[in-house]
C-alpha atoms as a PDB file:
ATOM      1  CA  UNK A   1       6.451   7.085  10.819  1.00  0.00           C
ATOM      2  CA  UNK A   2       7.151   4.451  13.410  1.00  0.00           C
ATOM      3  CA  UNK A   3       4.500   1.757  13.132  1.00  0.00           C
ATOM      4  CA  UNK A   4       2.053   0.106  10.818  1.00  0.00           C
ATOM      5  CA  UNK A   5      -1.172   1.956  10.249  1.00  0.00           C
ATOM      6  CA  UNK A   6      -4.223   0.825   8.309  1.00  0.00           C
ATOM      7  CA  UNK A   7      -2.451   0.558   4.954  1.00  0.00           C
ATOM      8  CA  UNK A   8       0.555  -1.238   6.417  1.00  0.00           C
ATOM      9  CA  UNK A   9      -1.659  -3.773   8.180  1.00  0.00           C
ATOM     10  CA  UNK A  10      -3.710  -4.192   5.007  1.00  0.00           C
ATOM     11  CA  UNK A  11      -0.530  -4.868   3.045  1.00  0.00           C
ATOM     12  CA  UNK A  12       0.661  -7.390   5.607  1.00  0.00           C
ATOM     13  CA  UNK A  13      -2.612  -9.346   5.500  1.00  0.00           C
ATOM     14  CA  UNK A  14      -2.769  -9.231   1.709  1.00  0.00           C
ATOM     15  CA  UNK A  15       0.868 -10.181   1.189  1.00  0.00           C
ATOM     16  CA  UNK A  16       0.634 -13.092   3.626  1.00  0.00           C
ATOM     17  CA  UNK A  17      -2.397 -14.479   1.823  1.00  0.00           C
ATOM     18  CA  UNK A  18      -1.501 -13.768  -1.804  1.00  0.00           C
ATOM     19  CA  UNK A  19       2.305 -13.335  -1.857  1.00  0.00           C
ATOM     20  CA  UNK A  20       3.690 -15.885   0.620  1.00  0.00           C
ATOM     21  CA  UNK A  21       7.023 -16.276  -1.207  1.00  0.00           C
ATOM     22  CA  UNK A  22       7.663 -12.536  -1.026  1.00  0.00           C
ATOM     23  CA  UNK A  23       6.806 -12.562   2.684  1.00  0.00           C
ATOM     24  CA  UNK A  24       9.085 -15.537   3.308  1.00  0.00           C
ATOM     25  CA  UNK A  25      11.964 -13.855   1.474  1.00  0.00           C
ATOM     26  CA  UNK A  26      11.471 -10.580   3.358  1.00  0.00           C
ATOM     27  CA  UNK A  27      11.297 -12.408   6.681  1.00  0.00           C
ATOM     28  CA  UNK A  28      14.437 -14.420   5.893  1.00  0.00           C
ATOM     29  CA  UNK A  29      16.229 -11.129   5.206  1.00  0.00           C
ATOM     30  CA  UNK A  30      14.691  -9.556   8.323  1.00  0.00           C
ATOM     31  CA  UNK A  31      13.126  -6.882   6.096  1.00  0.00           C
ATOM     32  CA  UNK A  32       9.393  -7.549   6.364  1.00  0.00           C
ATOM     33  CA  UNK A  33       8.640  -4.676   8.750  1.00  0.00           C
ATOM     34  CA  UNK A  34      10.747  -2.249   6.717  1.00  0.00           C
ATOM     35  CA  UNK A  35       9.045  -3.309   3.471  1.00  0.00           C
ATOM     36  CA  UNK A  36       5.587  -2.877   4.990  1.00  0.00           C
ATOM     37  CA  UNK A  37       6.487   0.556   6.326  1.00  0.00           C
ATOM     38  CA  UNK A  38       7.862   1.568   2.946  1.00  0.00           C
ATOM     39  CA  UNK A  39       4.695   0.394   1.165  1.00  0.00           C
ATOM     40  CA  UNK A  40       2.595   2.311   3.673  1.00  0.00           C
ATOM     41  CA  UNK A  41       4.650   5.500   3.344  1.00  0.00           C
ATOM     42  CA  UNK A  42       4.730   5.420  -0.447  1.00  0.00           C
ATOM     43  CA  UNK A  43       0.976   4.864  -0.518  1.00  0.00           C
ATOM     44  CA  UNK A  44       0.313   7.782   1.819  1.00  0.00           C
ATOM     45  CA  UNK A  45       2.736  10.089   0.003  1.00  0.00           C
ATOM     46  CA  UNK A  46       1.386   9.321  -3.444  1.00  0.00           C
ATOM     47  CA  UNK A  47      -2.212   9.513  -2.274  1.00  0.00           C
ATOM     48  CA  UNK A  48      -1.610  12.940  -0.749  1.00  0.00           C
ATOM     49  CA  UNK A  49      -0.261  14.267  -4.044  1.00  0.00           C
ATOM     50  CA  UNK A  50      -3.202  12.839  -5.981  1.00  0.00           C
ATOM     51  CA  UNK A  51      -5.738  14.068  -3.440  1.00  0.00           C
ATOM     52  CA  UNK A  52      -4.392  17.628  -3.761  1.00  0.00           C
ATOM     53  CA  UNK A  53      -4.753  17.401  -7.545  1.00  0.00           C
ATOM     54  CA  UNK A  54      -8.298  16.075  -7.247  1.00  0.00           C
ATOM     55  CA  UNK A  55      -9.275  18.810  -4.747  1.00  0.00           C
ATOM     56  CA  UNK A  56      -8.094  21.425  -7.256  1.00  0.00           C
ATOM     57  CA  UNK A  57     -10.403  19.758  -9.776  1.00  0.00           C
ATOM     58  CA  UNK A  58     -13.348  20.307  -7.416  1.00  0.00           C
ATOM     59  CA  UNK A  59     -13.851  16.807  -6.000  1.00  0.00           C
ATOM     60  CA  UNK A  60     -15.075  16.482  -2.424  1.00  0.00           C
ATOM     61  CA  UNK A  61     -12.846  14.884   0.262  1.00  0.00           C
ATOM     62  CA  UNK A  62     -14.408  11.420  -0.053  1.00  0.00           C
ATOM     63  CA  UNK A  63     -14.088  11.464  -3.827  1.00  0.00           C
ATOM     64  CA  UNK A  64     -10.467  12.599  -3.643  1.00  0.00           C
ATOM     65  CA  UNK A  65      -9.605   9.779  -1.232  1.00  0.00           C
ATOM     66  CA  UNK A  66     -11.473   7.103  -3.176  1.00  0.00           C
ATOM     67  CA  UNK A  67      -9.956   8.056  -6.522  1.00  0.00           C
ATOM     68  CA  UNK A  68      -6.431   8.332  -5.112  1.00  0.00           C
ATOM     69  CA  UNK A  69      -6.782   4.938  -3.388  1.00  0.00           C
ATOM     70  CA  UNK A  70      -8.006   3.326  -6.591  1.00  0.00           C
ATOM     71  CA  UNK A  71      -4.960   4.616  -8.481  1.00  0.00           C
ATOM     72  CA  UNK A  72      -2.352   3.699  -5.852  1.00  0.00           C
ATOM     73  CA  UNK A  73      -3.557   0.576  -4.030  1.00  0.00           C
ATOM     74  CA  UNK A  74      -2.172  -2.036  -6.418  1.00  0.00           C
ATOM     75  CA  UNK A  75       1.248  -0.385  -6.665  1.00  0.00           C
ATOM     76  CA  UNK A  76       2.248  -0.916  -3.039  1.00  0.00           C
ATOM     77  CA  UNK A  77      -0.471  -2.552  -0.920  1.00  0.00           C
ATOM     78  CA  UNK A  78      -2.587  -5.000  -2.945  1.00  0.00           C
ATOM     79  CA  UNK A  79       0.169  -6.640  -4.958  1.00  0.00           C
ATOM     80  CA  UNK A  80      -0.840  -9.158  -7.627  1.00  0.00           C
ATOM     81  CA  UNK A  81      -1.140 -12.724  -6.328  1.00  0.00           C
ATOM     82  CA  UNK A  82       1.833 -14.974  -6.867  1.00  0.00           C
ATOM     83  CA  UNK A  83       1.406 -17.710  -9.397  1.00  0.00           C
ATOM     84  CA  UNK A  84       1.571 -21.242  -8.115  1.00  0.00           C
ATOM     85  CA  UNK A  85       4.698 -23.139  -9.120  1.00  0.00           C
END
């Protein structure tokens, strides 16, 4: 995967707003793009696994996506906000 897709762009916007210290650190290490791509790829990979499981359980495509997203989104994309120092 070469560029940021929806989840990567969502992560970037969220991280910039709610995790500015993480973003600053990643940028200082010249790793921000790599970190966003990794978050995007992990999200897509994990969602695909979950969606297959949910399809076997009889859920429709929208339900499989929504449930997988709900389980994965806070692990890689919508990180908890940083606490103010």
